[in-house]
Structure formats: C-alpha cells, structure tokens
C-alpha cells in the first residue's frame, strides 16, 4: 500500500511522543530565580538547582526562562549608547 501511495513505511508506524511538562522543575527554576532577585542566569541556576537535586541542562533551564519571560538583570542593557560628538567628515587625513 505504501508503494502505491509513494510514501515511506515509517510514516505509517510513526507515533508522536507527548512532551512531558515537569511542573516541579519549572517552579524550582522560578523560585531560585526570584531568590536571586532576578540576577542569576542559566549557568548559576544550574548550580543552584543541582544543590536541590535537580539535574538539568542549561538549555532546558533557558527554555523555561524564556517561557516565563525571565531575564537576568545583567543581560538587560543598562544606560544609553555612547554617542561620538565628532563628525567624521571634518577630520582630515594628516598622514599624507
């Protein structure tokens, strides 16, 4: 039948695995992030969660942080960009 329809046999047997949502891990990430007064990033959260017996990757912690819009205070840019007051058109080439 797969030959007639010109589809791979694996599509017939494919079953999608449902994603597991670990609510206790998500709550632990949010709790540790709030304890740090929104300062910790994924690397520091990984260390703190391993102390609480959660062994997770930094990527998974990062996904949870983006899901709940958690960003470290140090990753958010503070202040304004420095502006250069000198106009480059006025500078002459002195090396000649």
Protein backbone atom coordinates (compact mmCIF):
# COMPACT_ATOMS: atom_id res chain seq x y z
CA UNK A 1 0.00 0.00 0.00
CA UNK A 2 2.89 2.39 0.79
CA UNK A 3 4.35 1.71 -2.66
CA UNK A 4 1.09 2.64 -4.33
CA UNK A 5 0.77 5.86 -2.33
CA UNK A 6 4.53 6.52 -2.72
CA UNK A 7 5.12 7.25 0.96
CA UNK A 8 7.71 5.85 3.33
CA UNK A 9 6.71 2.92 5.54
CA UNK A 10 7.96 4.77 8.60
CA UNK A 11 5.14 7.33 8.28
CA UNK A 12 2.64 4.53 8.75
CA UNK A 13 4.22 3.42 12.04
CA UNK A 14 5.12 6.86 13.38
CA UNK A 15 3.71 7.79 16.78
CA UNK A 16 4.36 11.20 18.26
CA UNK A 17 5.59 11.18 21.85
CA UNK A 18 3.79 13.71 24.04
CA UNK A 19 6.05 16.26 25.70
CA UNK A 20 6.40 15.95 29.44
CA UNK A 21 5.92 19.14 31.42
CA UNK A 22 7.74 19.00 34.72
CA UNK A 23 5.87 21.49 36.90
CA UNK A 24 8.12 20.93 39.92
CA UNK A 25 11.20 21.79 37.86
CA UNK A 26 9.57 24.91 36.43
CA UNK A 27 8.55 26.05 39.90
CA UNK A 28 12.07 25.38 41.20
CA UNK A 29 13.61 27.47 38.40
CA UNK A 30 11.21 30.35 39.06
CA UNK A 31 11.80 30.09 42.83
CA UNK A 32 15.60 30.14 42.54
CA UNK A 33 15.43 33.00 40.05
CA UNK A 34 13.26 35.05 42.41
CA UNK A 35 15.53 34.24 45.37
CA UNK A 36 18.45 35.70 43.45
CA UNK A 37 16.48 38.94 42.96
CA UNK A 38 16.38 38.29 39.20
CA UNK A 39 20.18 38.22 38.91
CA UNK A 40 21.04 34.60 38.11
CA UNK A 41 21.37 33.29 34.58
CA UNK A 42 21.24 29.71 33.34
CA UNK A 43 24.76 28.79 34.50
CA UNK A 44 24.24 29.89 38.08
CA UNK A 45 20.71 28.47 38.18
CA UNK A 46 22.07 25.10 37.08
CA UNK A 47 24.41 25.07 40.10
CA UNK A 48 21.67 26.11 42.50
CA UNK A 49 19.23 23.52 41.12
CA UNK A 50 21.83 20.77 41.38
CA UNK A 51 22.04 21.57 45.09
CA UNK A 52 18.30 20.93 45.22
CA UNK A 53 18.81 17.54 43.46
CA UNK A 54 17.56 18.69 40.04
CA UNK A 55 19.99 17.59 37.32
CA UNK A 56 19.01 19.57 34.24
CA UNK A 57 20.84 21.12 31.31
CA UNK A 58 21.42 24.84 30.86
CA UNK A 59 19.44 24.65 27.63
CA UNK A 60 16.36 23.32 29.40
CA UNK A 61 16.66 25.98 32.11
CA UNK A 62 16.96 28.59 29.36
CA UNK A 63 13.81 27.31 27.67
CA UNK A 64 11.91 27.57 30.94
CA UNK A 65 13.24 31.09 31.46
CA UNK A 66 12.12 32.20 28.01
CA UNK A 67 8.74 30.53 28.51
CA UNK A 68 8.08 32.65 31.59
CA UNK A 69 9.93 35.75 30.30
CA UNK A 70 12.64 35.59 32.97
CA UNK A 71 15.76 37.58 32.10
CA UNK A 72 18.72 38.26 34.32
CA UNK A 73 19.36 41.86 35.29
CA UNK A 74 22.84 41.52 33.86
CA UNK A 75 21.67 40.51 30.39
CA UNK A 76 19.44 43.56 30.04
CA UNK A 77 21.32 46.59 28.73
CA UNK A 78 21.59 49.49 31.14
CA UNK A 79 22.15 53.09 30.16
CA UNK A 80 22.36 54.70 26.77
CA UNK A 81 24.75 54.11 23.92
CA UNK A 82 27.76 56.39 23.80
CA UNK A 83 27.50 58.93 21.03
CA UNK A 84 30.50 60.23 19.21
CA UNK A 85 30.27 64.03 19.09
CA UNK A 86 32.93 64.38 16.40
CA UNK A 87 31.66 64.35 12.84
CA UNK A 88 33.89 62.12 10.68
CA UNK A 89 33.58 64.47 7.67
CA UNK A 90 35.51 67.20 9.49
CA UNK A 91 38.56 65.00 10.19
CA UNK A 92 41.34 65.43 7.65
CA UNK A 93 43.99 62.89 6.69
CA UNK A 94 47.24 64.07 8.33
CA UNK A 95 49.40 61.07 7.34
CA UNK A 96 49.96 62.26 3.70
